[in-house]
Amino acid sequence: MSEIFVDSTFNTNKHGYELYCVLTEYDLVSLPLSYLLLDTRGIREEGKRGLRLTAWFTALRDAVIKRQSEVTAASLAFKRNNPAYKHHLCLWHSLRAIDQHITGKTKSNGAHSVENARNSIRKGALPEYLHFLSDESEWILSNESGKKLCTREQTAKLRAMVKRHLLRHQLLPKVVNECVEHPRALVYETYEEIHAGSIREMLDYCRCIGQPKVFRYFWINWYRPEHAHVGSRWEIASMCGRRGSDAIIPISRTTMRLESHWRILKKDYVSRFIKPRLDVLCYILFTDLVPSRIHLRLRVEAGREVPSAYKDFVQLWRRCADAIDSTTVVKRDELYHADKEKWVCSCLSFIFNSRYLCKHLVSFYSSPHPDGNGSFVVRPPPPFRPELFQERLPLINFSDVQLIGSGAVVSSGIDLNDSVEDDAGSLTYAKELESLQLLPTEHPEAAEENDEEAMEPLRVFACAIQQCESNPRMQRALNGFITNKETLMAQYKRHYDETLGISRSVGKNTMRKAVKSYFHMRDQNQSRTPGSE
């Protein structure tokens, strides 16, 4: 175990407690390590949530955490005596927070104030490689009142730029842009070069669009280095982590495993209750949910099942195989200089893919079809192993023995994202979320939004029900619109009774009739069937 995930959820119990979970992965199977029920609504104390989370995090290490209160608590618990500790914000939540701010969906809380920026861009507060910012202080601190934050095109460009910056790492090569002169080999940058280059690119673009306020927001919240007693935002937001911690690359970028864990809890278990009591919730967690995860882990270990993350990897491999054509091999060798031994490529698709997979790397395991029809024969992906995905180079642990199998003829001409920056800048936020390569079952928004087309008649029906009190004619008319009353009562009557606190009766037709066993179906036992006498 090298990474753990921490997140919280709401609306799991009738008392309003927040439910926190610490989760890790074994063999790509998520396993909960600890739960916490927390309620700080009646406590008037500064840092009330952080103090209690700090006590909870004391025995945990190497966390990957989302919220700032969780980051602060984890730092106090681990960082003091653990130089190898580092934490990261969830990439998906970071991009959503940036999108909400620069589009004006959230109110500003002083995140881009002039005073905060003035104190942090002084030469004495900056490392030597960022001294160029102090020379630009006059423009950075200028205030253009009455101007909107950004247009739609500028917002898309900023999102793509920030995402590319946050995903850069010392072990990963610099992304090659086809619009400029490409290098003759892979280019690797140091921590300082990555940090300074990202800030300079953001500064140049914000100056181009005349938005010093936007640059102050990104500087204070996402790019600021550590100084004195003020923590580094770049350290927790980017994949680079802390200076000197370039030995490994975090396998996970988001907390979507926990989002999937919450969805399993709410949809498969808690949905049978209407906000259960705390004791019922704890009973569900420790007798249903946790044993089911352990059982899945044992099945994967025994080779009886493969985790969903590996199934998604196989789908990505096939998509990349479908996109291979003759130009792919040329670009792989002459433009992107993909390295099969280290399993790295300088295309944008490789950086954006959460499993570090692209068609240029997959093409190493392909060959032209013998018929010469333009298609390629691609070897199947390697079988699942716990050490398939690594934190060090090579990021995917391949061997020639594991790739033995009959090749499959795949079509050509399907174009994946070929890492052109202009194309990435035109992505919508929904497409940008898809580029995170989340598992199909881990999308946090997939099953949570209402179906407005279905909800509209239900709202009208609910309004009509409220008006039909003491009106039998209207009640019969509304009842006539229900075409399948038996199914409705069978599915929702119990929930209705539990909501009203009505106990189930023991009268006639309340007990299910037992199914006849095969004993009574035999000819020689028909006479012994109840009711046959």
Protein backbone atom coordinates (compact mmCIF):
# COMPACT_ATOMS: atom_id res chain seq x y z
CA MET A 1 0.00 0.00 0.00
CA SER A 2 1.57 3.30 -1.10
CA GLU A 3 -1.49 5.52 -1.56
CA ILE A 4 -4.65 6.12 0.41
CA PHE A 5 -7.69 8.21 -0.45
CA VAL A 6 -9.77 10.36 1.89
CA ASP A 7 -13.18 11.83 1.14
CA SER A 8 -16.50 12.56 2.83
CA THR A 9 -20.16 12.28 1.86
CA PHE A 10 -23.52 13.49 3.15
CA ASN A 11 -27.13 12.29 3.37
CA THR A 12 -26.29 8.81 4.64
CA ASN A 13 -28.12 9.03 8.00
CA LYS A 14 -31.04 10.84 9.61
CA HIS A 15 -28.86 12.68 12.16
CA GLY A 16 -26.90 14.72 9.61
CA TYR A 17 -23.44 13.32 10.39
CA GLU A 18 -20.73 13.52 7.73
CA LEU A 19 -19.31 10.13 6.78
CA TYR A 20 -15.54 10.07 6.11
CA CYS A 21 -13.64 7.13 4.72
CA VAL A 22 -9.98 6.19 4.30
CA LEU A 23 -9.63 3.84 1.35
CA THR A 24 -6.70 2.11 -0.31
CA GLU A 25 -6.10 -0.28 -3.20
CA TYR A 26 -4.81 -3.84 -3.23
CA ASP A 27 -4.50 -5.46 -6.66
CA LEU A 28 -6.59 -2.58 -8.08
CA VAL A 29 -9.46 -3.43 -5.70
CA SER A 30 -10.53 -0.59 -3.40
CA LEU A 31 -10.70 -1.56 0.27
CA PRO A 32 -11.91 0.72 3.08
CA LEU A 33 -9.49 1.03 6.01
CA SER A 34 -11.40 3.30 8.36
CA TYR A 35 -14.65 5.25 8.67
CA LEU A 36 -15.44 8.38 10.67
CA LEU A 37 -18.85 9.87 11.54
CA LEU A 38 -18.37 13.55 12.29
CA ASP A 39 -20.77 16.31 13.32
CA THR A 40 -19.35 19.76 14.13
CA ARG A 41 -22.52 21.82 13.72
CA GLY A 42 -22.95 22.53 17.43
CA ILE A 43 -19.26 23.25 18.13
CA ARG A 44 -18.03 26.84 18.17
CA GLU A 45 -14.30 26.43 17.91
CA GLU A 46 -11.69 27.56 15.41
CA GLY A 47 -10.46 24.68 13.30
CA LYS A 48 -13.06 22.33 14.77
CA ARG A 49 -13.07 19.98 11.79
CA GLY A 50 -9.30 20.04 11.29
CA LEU A 51 -8.56 19.15 14.92
CA ARG A 52 -10.73 16.07 14.80
CA LEU A 53 -9.43 14.98 11.42
CA THR A 54 -5.87 15.38 12.69
CA ALA A 55 -6.59 12.94 15.49
CA TRP A 56 -8.10 10.52 13.00
CA PHE A 57 -5.14 10.73 10.59
CA THR A 58 -2.46 10.07 13.20
CA ALA A 59 -1.86 6.46 12.16
CA LEU A 60 -2.12 6.97 8.38
CA ARG A 61 0.60 7.73 5.82
CA ASP A 62 1.17 8.62 2.16
CA ALA A 63 -2.29 10.14 1.64
CA VAL A 64 -3.93 11.39 -1.55
CA ILE A 65 -6.51 13.88 -0.29
CA LYS A 66 -9.07 16.27 -1.79
CA ARG A 67 -10.26 19.04 0.57
CA GLN A 68 -8.09 21.71 2.17
CA SER A 69 -9.19 20.85 5.73
CA GLU A 70 -8.17 17.25 5.08
CA VAL A 71 -4.83 18.39 3.62
CA THR A 72 -4.05 20.51 6.70
CA ALA A 73 -4.97 17.74 9.12
CA ALA A 74 -2.93 15.14 7.23
CA SER A 75 0.09 17.43 7.11
CA LEU A 76 0.01 17.93 10.86
CA ALA A 77 -0.33 14.20 11.45
CA PHE A 78 2.28 12.83 9.02
CA LYS A 79 4.59 15.42 7.54
CA ARG A 80 6.44 16.29 10.72
CA ASN A 81 8.19 12.93 11.10
CA ASN A 82 7.84 11.48 7.61
CA PRO A 83 9.99 13.09 4.90
CA ALA A 84 8.56 10.68 2.28
CA TYR A 85 5.00 11.91 2.88
CA LYS A 86 3.28 13.94 0.19
CA HIS A 87 -0.35 14.62 -0.60
CA HIS A 88 -2.22 15.71 -3.72
CA LEU A 89 -5.52 17.34 -4.40
CA CYS A 90 -7.97 15.43 -6.54
CA LEU A 91 -7.41 16.51 -10.15
CA TRP A 92 -11.11 16.30 -11.03
CA HIS A 93 -12.18 18.49 -8.11
CA SER A 94 -9.34 20.93 -8.83
CA LEU A 95 -10.45 21.39 -12.44
CA ARG A 96 -14.07 21.79 -11.33
CA ALA A 97 -13.10 24.47 -8.79
CA ILE A 98 -11.13 26.34 -11.47
CA ASP A 99 -14.03 26.07 -13.91
CA GLN A 100 -16.54 27.40 -11.36
CA HIS A 101 -14.35 30.35 -10.44
CA ILE A 102 -13.28 31.62 -13.85
CA THR A 103 -16.83 31.26 -15.21
CA GLY A 104 -18.28 33.21 -12.27
CA LYS A 105 -20.37 30.33 -10.86
CA THR A 106 -18.92 30.85 -7.37
CA LYS A 107 -18.48 34.09 -5.46
CA SER A 108 -14.97 35.37 -4.90
CA ASN A 109 -13.63 35.14 -1.34
CA GLY A 110 -10.53 37.26 -1.82
CA ALA A 111 -8.67 34.49 -3.63
CA HIS A 112 -7.18 36.99 -6.09
CA SER A 113 -6.78 40.06 -3.85
CA VAL A 114 -3.97 42.50 -4.51
CA GLU A 115 -2.64 42.39 -0.94
CA ASN A 116 -2.20 38.63 -0.93
CA ALA A 117 -0.39 38.77 -4.25
CA ARG A 118 1.83 41.69 -3.19
CA ASN A 119 3.19 39.81 -0.19
CA SER A 120 3.91 36.64 -2.16
CA ILE A 121 5.71 38.09 -5.22
CA ARG A 122 8.39 40.00 -3.31
CA LYS A 123 11.92 38.85 -4.16
CA GLY A 124 12.51 37.84 -0.57
CA ALA A 125 9.45 35.57 -0.65
CA LEU A 126 10.32 33.90 -3.97
CA PRO A 127 12.90 31.23 -4.77
CA GLU A 128 15.62 32.30 -7.13
CA TYR A 129 14.11 30.63 -10.20
CA LEU A 130 10.91 32.74 -9.80
CA HIS A 131 12.54 36.16 -9.39
CA PHE A 132 11.22 37.19 -12.80
CA LEU A 133 7.78 37.65 -11.18
CA SER A 134 8.97 40.57 -9.08
CA ASP A 135 9.87 42.39 -12.30
CA GLU A 136 6.25 41.99 -13.46
CA SER A 137 4.74 43.14 -10.14
CA GLU A 138 3.38 46.40 -11.56
CA TRP A 139 1.17 44.61 -14.07
CA ILE A 140 0.29 41.73 -11.73
CA LEU A 141 -0.95 44.12 -9.03
CA SER A 142 -2.87 46.35 -11.43
CA ASN A 143 -6.63 46.41 -10.95
CA GLU A 144 -8.97 46.51 -13.95
CA SER A 145 -12.38 47.04 -12.38
CA GLY A 146 -15.57 46.28 -14.25
CA LYS A 147 -14.02 43.75 -16.61
CA LYS A 148 -15.42 40.23 -16.82
CA LEU A 149 -13.15 37.38 -15.87
CA CYS A 150 -12.93 35.46 -19.14
CA THR A 151 -14.81 34.64 -22.31
CA ARG A 152 -15.83 31.09 -23.13
CA GLU A 153 -12.86 30.56 -25.47
CA GLN A 154 -10.42 31.98 -22.92
CA THR A 155 -11.89 29.76 -20.20
CA ALA A 156 -11.39 26.63 -22.31
CA LYS A 157 -7.82 27.68 -23.09
CA LEU A 158 -7.04 28.29 -19.40
CA ARG A 159 -8.53 24.95 -18.30
CA ALA A 160 -6.48 23.02 -20.84
CA MET A 161 -3.34 24.92 -19.89
CA VAL A 162 -3.73 24.39 -16.15
CA LYS A 163 -4.54 20.72 -16.62
CA ARG A 164 -1.38 20.22 -18.66
CA HIS A 165 0.67 22.07 -16.02
CA LEU A 166 -0.69 20.05 -13.09
CA LEU A 167 0.05 16.74 -14.85
CA ARG A 168 3.71 17.46 -15.57
CA HIS A 169 6.37 15.49 -13.72
CA GLN A 170 10.14 15.19 -13.71
CA LEU A 171 10.02 11.56 -14.87
CA LEU A 172 7.70 12.37 -17.79
CA PRO A 173 9.01 13.99 -20.98
CA LYS A 174 7.96 17.45 -22.04
CA VAL A 175 4.90 17.53 -24.30
CA VAL A 176 5.74 18.14 -27.96
CA ASN A 177 3.63 20.68 -29.81
CA GLU A 178 3.32 19.96 -33.51
CA CYS A 179 3.01 23.68 -34.27
CA VAL A 180 6.60 24.43 -33.23
CA GLU A 181 9.94 22.93 -34.09
CA HIS A 182 10.11 19.57 -32.38
CA PRO A 183 13.24 18.30 -30.59
CA ARG A 184 15.33 15.38 -31.80
CA ALA A 185 14.90 13.40 -28.57
CA LEU A 186 12.80 13.29 -25.43
CA VAL A 187 13.23 16.37 -23.25
CA TYR A 188 13.08 16.05 -19.46
CA GLU A 189 12.77 19.04 -17.14
CA THR A 190 13.68 19.56 -13.50
CA TYR A 191 11.22 20.56 -10.79
CA GLU A 192 12.31 24.20 -11.03
CA GLU A 193 12.03 24.26 -14.82
CA ILE A 194 8.54 22.77 -14.74
CA HIS A 195 7.32 25.19 -12.07
CA ALA A 196 8.89 28.29 -13.64
CA GLY A 197 7.82 27.33 -17.18
CA SER A 198 4.21 26.78 -16.11
CA ILE A 199 4.04 30.13 -14.32
CA ARG A 200 5.67 31.97 -17.22
CA GLU A 201 3.24 30.43 -19.74
CA MET A 202 0.27 31.39 -17.55
CA LEU A 203 1.66 34.91 -17.07
CA ASP A 204 2.20 35.43 -20.80
CA TYR A 205 -1.33 34.26 -21.67
CA CYS A 206 -3.01 36.36 -18.97
CA ARG A 207 -1.03 39.39 -20.16
CA CYS A 208 -2.13 38.63 -23.73
CA ILE A 209 -5.83 38.67 -22.76
CA GLY A 210 -5.36 41.56 -20.29
CA GLN A 211 -6.43 39.68 -17.15
CA PRO A 212 -4.13 40.39 -14.16
CA LYS A 213 -6.94 39.40 -11.81
CA VAL A 214 -7.08 35.91 -13.32
CA PHE A 215 -3.33 35.49 -12.96
CA ARG A 216 -3.51 36.52 -9.30
CA TYR A 217 -6.15 33.85 -8.72
CA PHE A 218 -4.05 31.11 -10.29
CA TRP A 219 -0.90 32.29 -8.56
CA ILE A 220 -2.36 32.41 -5.05
CA ASN A 221 -4.42 29.21 -5.28
CA TRP A 222 -2.49 26.90 -7.61
CA TYR A 223 1.07 28.02 -8.41
CA ARG A 224 2.38 29.70 -5.26
CA PRO A 225 5.51 28.05 -3.74
CA GLU A 226 6.13 27.52 -0.05
CA HIS A 227 7.38 30.51 1.95
CA ALA A 228 7.94 30.88 5.70
CA HIS A 229 4.88 29.38 7.43
CA VAL A 230 2.67 29.49 4.32
CA GLY A 231 2.31 26.11 2.62
CA SER A 232 2.89 25.56 -1.07
CA ARG A 233 -0.20 25.29 -3.24
CA TRP A 234 1.82 23.98 -6.19
CA GLU A 235 3.04 21.14 -4.00
CA ILE A 236 -0.45 19.77 -3.31
CA ALA A 237 -2.00 20.64 -6.68
CA SER A 238 0.57 19.31 -9.16
CA MET A 239 1.89 15.82 -9.78
CA CYS A 240 5.41 17.06 -9.04
CA GLY A 241 4.76 17.18 -5.30
CA ARG A 242 7.54 18.52 -3.11
CA ARG A 243 10.99 19.45 -4.33
CA GLY A 244 13.25 16.43 -4.25
CA SER A 245 10.37 13.93 -4.38
CA ASP A 246 10.86 13.00 -8.04
CA ALA A 247 11.52 9.30 -7.51
CA ILE A 248 7.91 8.16 -8.02
CA ILE A 249 4.81 9.19 -9.95
CA PRO A 250 1.46 8.90 -8.14
CA ILE A 251 -0.57 6.10 -9.70
CA SER A 252 -3.88 7.84 -8.93
CA ARG A 253 -4.85 11.37 -9.86
CA THR A 254 -8.40 11.60 -8.51
CA THR A 255 -10.57 10.36 -5.64
CA MET A 256 -12.99 8.69 -8.03
CA ARG A 257 -12.47 5.35 -6.29
CA LEU A 258 -14.09 6.86 -3.22
CA GLU A 259 -16.82 8.44 -5.30
CA SER A 260 -17.58 4.95 -6.62
CA HIS A 261 -17.44 3.59 -3.05
CA TRP A 262 -20.06 6.13 -1.93
CA ARG A 263 -22.28 5.29 -4.87
CA ILE A 264 -22.14 1.57 -4.05
CA LEU A 265 -23.07 2.38 -0.45
CA LYS A 266 -25.97 4.67 -1.34
CA LYS A 267 -27.41 2.81 -4.32
CA ASP A 268 -26.92 -0.82 -3.31
CA TYR A 269 -27.35 -0.72 0.47
CA VAL A 270 -28.68 2.52 2.00
CA SER A 271 -31.30 2.92 -0.75
CA ARG A 272 -33.42 0.32 1.08
CA PHE A 273 -33.81 2.77 3.97
CA ILE A 274 -34.92 6.39 4.28
CA LYS A 275 -31.86 7.95 5.95
CA PRO A 276 -31.18 5.20 8.51
CA ARG A 277 -30.10 5.71 12.12
CA LEU A 278 -26.39 5.68 12.95
CA ASP A 279 -26.48 2.16 14.36
CA VAL A 280 -28.18 0.85 11.22
CA LEU A 281 -25.63 2.66 9.02
CA CYS A 282 -22.72 1.15 10.96
CA TYR A 283 -24.34 -2.28 10.71
CA ILE A 284 -24.60 -1.90 6.92
CA LEU A 285 -20.97 -0.79 6.63
CA PHE A 286 -19.43 -3.60 8.66
CA THR A 287 -21.70 -6.52 7.78
CA ASP A 288 -22.48 -5.81 4.11
CA LEU A 289 -20.22 -3.28 2.39
CA VAL A 290 -16.80 -4.09 3.89
CA PRO A 291 -17.19 -7.91 3.61
CA SER A 292 -18.25 -7.54 -0.02
CA ARG A 293 -15.03 -5.63 -0.82
CA ILE A 294 -12.91 -8.20 1.00
CA HIS A 295 -14.66 -11.00 -0.87
CA LEU A 296 -13.93 -9.29 -4.19
CA ARG A 297 -10.28 -8.87 -3.20
CA LEU A 298 -9.99 -12.60 -2.41
CA ARG A 299 -11.60 -13.53 -5.73
CA VAL A 300 -9.10 -11.33 -7.59
CA GLU A 301 -6.21 -12.84 -5.64
CA ALA A 302 -7.41 -16.35 -6.47
CA GLY A 303 -7.64 -15.47 -10.18
CA ARG A 304 -11.41 -15.93 -10.36
CA GLU A 305 -12.11 -12.31 -11.27
CA VAL A 306 -10.28 -9.26 -12.62
CA PRO A 307 -10.84 -5.75 -11.23
CA SER A 308 -12.81 -3.19 -13.21
CA ALA A 309 -9.71 -0.99 -13.53
CA TYR A 310 -7.99 -3.67 -15.58
CA LYS A 311 -11.10 -4.10 -17.76
CA ASP A 312 -10.97 -0.39 -18.48
CA PHE A 313 -7.26 -0.72 -19.33
CA VAL A 314 -8.12 -3.42 -21.88
CA GLN A 315 -10.71 -1.13 -23.48
CA LEU A 316 -8.12 1.67 -23.71
CA TRP A 317 -5.64 -0.73 -25.29
CA ARG A 318 -8.20 -1.68 -27.94
CA ARG A 319 -9.05 1.95 -28.66
CA CYS A 320 -5.39 2.72 -29.18
CA ALA A 321 -5.00 -0.37 -31.36
CA ASP A 322 -7.91 0.78 -33.54
CA ALA A 323 -6.16 4.12 -34.11
CA ILE A 324 -2.84 2.73 -35.36
CA ASP A 325 -1.97 3.41 -38.98
CA SER A 326 1.18 4.06 -40.99
CA THR A 327 1.48 7.67 -39.82
CA THR A 328 1.42 6.55 -36.18
CA VAL A 329 4.74 4.74 -36.52
CA VAL A 330 6.30 7.70 -38.32
CA LYS A 331 5.23 10.17 -35.65
CA ARG A 332 6.29 7.77 -32.91
CA ASP A 333 9.87 7.68 -34.18
CA GLU A 334 10.37 11.14 -35.69
CA LEU A 335 8.12 13.47 -33.68
CA TYR A 336 7.30 12.04 -30.25
CA HIS A 337 10.34 9.73 -29.81
CA ALA A 338 8.40 7.21 -27.74
CA ASP A 339 10.55 5.03 -25.48
CA LYS A 340 9.41 1.42 -25.20
CA GLU A 341 11.78 0.51 -22.34
CA LYS A 342 10.75 3.39 -20.08
CA TRP A 343 7.18 3.38 -21.45
CA VAL A 344 7.00 7.14 -22.00
CA CYS A 345 5.88 9.30 -24.91
CA SER A 346 5.83 13.06 -25.46
CA CYS A 347 2.31 13.24 -26.92
CA LEU A 348 -0.50 14.93 -24.99
CA SER A 349 -2.65 11.79 -24.97
CA PHE A 350 0.00 9.97 -22.96
CA ILE A 351 0.11 12.71 -20.31
CA PHE A 352 -3.69 13.01 -20.06
CA ASN A 353 -4.32 9.25 -19.87
CA SER A 354 -4.56 8.06 -16.26
CA ARG A 355 -2.95 4.72 -17.21
CA TYR A 356 -0.23 6.36 -19.34
CA LEU A 357 -1.28 4.70 -22.56
CA CYS A 358 -1.29 6.04 -26.11
CA LYS A 359 -1.40 4.63 -29.63
CA HIS A 360 2.29 5.40 -30.22
CA LEU A 361 3.36 3.08 -27.39
CA VAL A 362 0.85 0.38 -28.35
CA SER A 363 2.24 0.46 -31.88
CA PHE A 364 5.44 -1.15 -30.55
CA TYR A 365 3.39 -4.34 -30.22
CA SER A 366 1.86 -4.18 -33.70
CA SER A 367 2.91 -5.13 -37.20
CA PRO A 368 1.43 -4.48 -40.67
CA HIS A 369 -1.13 -6.98 -41.87
CA PRO A 370 0.34 -9.58 -44.28
CA ASP A 371 -2.32 -8.77 -46.87
CA GLY A 372 -1.07 -5.18 -47.12
CA ASN A 373 -4.53 -3.67 -46.72
CA GLY A 374 -3.35 -0.84 -44.46
CA SER A 375 -4.53 -2.42 -41.23
CA PHE A 376 -2.30 -3.60 -38.40
CA VAL A 377 -2.09 -6.77 -36.34
CA VAL A 378 -1.90 -5.76 -32.66
CA ARG A 379 -0.96 -8.18 -29.91
CA PRO A 380 -3.44 -8.46 -27.06
CA PRO A 381 -2.81 -6.61 -23.79
CA PRO A 382 -0.94 -8.38 -20.98
CA PRO A 383 -2.93 -10.39 -18.45
CA PHE A 384 -3.72 -8.85 -15.10
CA ARG A 385 -1.00 -8.86 -12.46
CA PRO A 386 -0.82 -6.83 -9.23
CA GLU A 387 2.47 -5.23 -10.34
CA LEU A 388 1.23 -4.27 -13.82
CA PHE A 389 1.01 -0.55 -12.98
CA GLN A 390 4.04 0.97 -11.26
CA GLU A 391 5.03 4.26 -9.64
CA ARG A 392 8.46 4.16 -11.25
CA LEU A 393 9.68 3.76 -14.81
CA PRO A 394 8.54 1.78 -16.68
CA LEU A 395 5.07 2.94 -15.64
CA ILE A 396 3.50 -0.22 -17.11
CA ASN A 397 5.46 -3.39 -16.45
CA PHE A 398 5.47 -5.36 -19.70
CA SER A 399 7.38 -8.45 -20.75
CA ASP A 400 7.48 -10.37 -24.01
CA VAL A 401 6.25 -13.52 -22.30
CA GLN A 402 3.07 -11.82 -21.14
CA LEU A 403 2.12 -10.58 -24.58
CA ILE A 404 2.01 -13.99 -26.25
CA GLY A 405 -1.28 -14.55 -28.06
CA SER A 406 -2.96 -14.48 -31.39
CA GLY A 407 -3.05 -11.03 -32.87
CA ALA A 408 -6.23 -9.35 -33.99
CA VAL A 409 -6.72 -7.46 -37.21
CA VAL A 410 -7.86 -3.96 -36.41
CA SER A 411 -9.09 -1.20 -38.67
CA SER A 412 -7.18 2.01 -39.20
CA GLY A 413 -8.03 5.64 -39.58
CA ILE A 414 -9.65 6.29 -36.18
CA ASP A 415 -8.10 9.48 -34.83
CA LEU A 416 -7.54 9.83 -31.10
CA ASN A 417 -6.38 13.04 -29.44
CA ASP A 418 -2.97 13.48 -31.03
CA SER A 419 -1.73 16.06 -28.53
CA VAL A 420 -2.20 19.29 -30.41
CA GLU A 421 -2.54 22.06 -27.87
CA ASP A 422 -5.05 24.01 -29.94
CA ASP A 423 -7.36 21.00 -30.02
CA ALA A 424 -7.08 20.56 -26.25
CA GLY A 425 -7.96 24.21 -25.73
CA SER A 426 -11.24 23.80 -27.56
CA LEU A 427 -12.44 20.93 -25.35
CA THR A 428 -15.56 21.52 -23.35
CA TYR A 429 -15.56 20.84 -19.65
CA ALA A 430 -17.51 17.60 -20.15
CA LYS A 431 -14.99 16.35 -22.70
CA GLU A 432 -12.17 17.41 -20.41
CA LEU A 433 -13.68 15.29 -17.66
CA GLU A 434 -13.83 12.34 -20.05
CA SER A 435 -10.14 12.79 -20.86
CA LEU A 436 -9.33 11.83 -17.27
CA GLN A 437 -10.08 8.24 -18.38
CA LEU A 438 -12.26 7.44 -15.39
CA LEU A 439 -13.68 3.98 -15.00
CA PRO A 440 -17.20 3.68 -16.40
CA THR A 441 -18.53 2.98 -12.91
CA GLU A 442 -16.61 5.82 -11.25
CA HIS A 443 -18.04 8.87 -13.03
CA PRO A 444 -19.23 11.12 -10.17
CA GLU A 445 -21.95 12.82 -12.20
CA ALA A 446 -23.23 9.91 -14.25
CA ALA A 447 -26.12 8.70 -12.11
CA GLU A 448 -26.70 11.70 -9.85
CA GLU A 449 -28.43 14.19 -12.14
CA ASN A 450 -32.21 14.25 -12.46
CA ASP A 451 -33.93 13.21 -15.67
CA GLU A 452 -35.81 16.44 -16.26
CA GLU A 453 -37.99 14.90 -18.96
CA ALA A 454 -39.19 12.27 -16.49
CA MET A 455 -39.34 14.61 -13.50
CA GLU A 456 -41.63 17.19 -15.11
CA PRO A 457 -44.81 15.01 -15.20
CA LEU A 458 -43.99 13.71 -11.70
CA ARG A 459 -43.90 17.26 -10.34
CA VAL A 460 -47.23 18.01 -12.00
CA PHE A 461 -48.69 14.80 -10.57
CA ALA A 462 -47.42 15.66 -7.06
CA CYS A 463 -48.99 19.12 -7.30
CA ALA A 464 -52.31 17.58 -8.38
CA ILE A 465 -52.21 15.13 -5.46
CA GLN A 466 -51.93 17.99 -3.00
CA GLN A 467 -55.08 19.58 -4.48
CA CYS A 468 -57.25 16.45 -4.45
CA GLU A 469 -57.84 16.32 -0.69
CA SER A 470 -61.62 15.97 0.07
CA ASN A 471 -62.30 15.68 -3.66
CA PRO A 472 -63.22 12.02 -4.46
CA ARG A 473 -63.96 12.76 -8.10
CA MET A 474 -60.47 14.21 -8.64
CA GLN A 475 -58.93 11.34 -6.68
CA ARG A 476 -60.58 8.75 -8.95
CA ALA A 477 -59.50 10.72 -12.02
CA LEU A 478 -55.84 10.80 -10.89
CA ASN A 479 -56.00 7.13 -9.97
CA GLY A 480 -57.10 6.35 -13.51
CA PHE A 481 -53.80 7.68 -14.86
CA ILE A 482 -51.90 4.91 -13.03
CA THR A 483 -51.88 1.97 -15.43
CA ASN A 484 -49.97 -0.55 -13.28
CA LYS A 485 -51.18 -0.13 -9.70
CA GLU A 486 -50.07 -3.58 -8.51
CA THR A 487 -46.43 -3.04 -9.47
CA LEU A 488 -46.43 0.44 -7.92
CA MET A 489 -47.78 -0.85 -4.61
CA ALA A 490 -45.43 -3.82 -4.53
CA GLN A 491 -42.35 -1.67 -5.09
CA TYR A 492 -43.04 1.45 -3.01
CA LYS A 493 -45.67 0.52 -0.39
CA ARG A 494 -43.06 -0.70 2.09
CA HIS A 495 -40.99 2.48 1.77
CA TYR A 496 -44.15 4.51 2.25
CA ASP A 497 -45.06 2.62 5.44
CA GLU A 498 -41.52 2.97 6.83
CA THR A 499 -41.55 6.71 6.17
CA LEU A 500 -44.82 7.08 8.10
CA GLY A 501 -43.66 4.70 10.83
CA ILE A 502 -46.43 2.16 10.09
CA SER A 503 -45.68 -1.43 11.12
CA ARG A 504 -46.45 -4.19 8.65
CA SER A 505 -49.67 -6.02 9.44
CA VAL A 506 -49.87 -9.75 9.95
CA GLY A 507 -53.29 -10.17 8.37
CA LYS A 508 -54.25 -12.04 5.25
CA ASN A 509 -52.07 -11.89 2.14
CA THR A 510 -49.12 -10.25 3.94
CA MET A 511 -46.85 -13.29 3.92
CA ARG A 512 -45.31 -14.53 0.71
CA LYS A 513 -46.36 -18.00 -0.33
CA ALA A 514 -43.46 -20.47 -0.16
CA VAL A 515 -42.34 -21.93 -3.45
CA LYS A 516 -42.98 -25.65 -3.84
CA SER A 517 -39.84 -27.71 -3.59
CA TYR A 518 -38.86 -30.49 -5.97
CA PHE A 519 -39.99 -32.96 -3.31
CA HIS A 520 -43.64 -32.09 -3.90
CA MET A 521 -43.18 -32.11 -7.68
CA ARG A 522 -42.38 -35.82 -7.79
CA ASP A 523 -45.25 -38.11 -8.81
CA GLN A 524 -44.91 -40.39 -5.81
CA ASN A 525 -45.19 -37.46 -3.39
CA GLN A 526 -48.19 -35.69 -4.91
CA SER A 527 -50.52 -37.27 -2.37
CA ARG A 528 -48.51 -35.73 0.46
CA THR A 529 -48.86 -32.20 -0.91
CA PRO A 530 -50.77 -29.93 1.51
CA GLY A 531 -54.38 -29.41 0.42
CA SER A 532 -54.53 -32.60 -1.68
CA GLU A 533 -56.45 -34.57 0.96
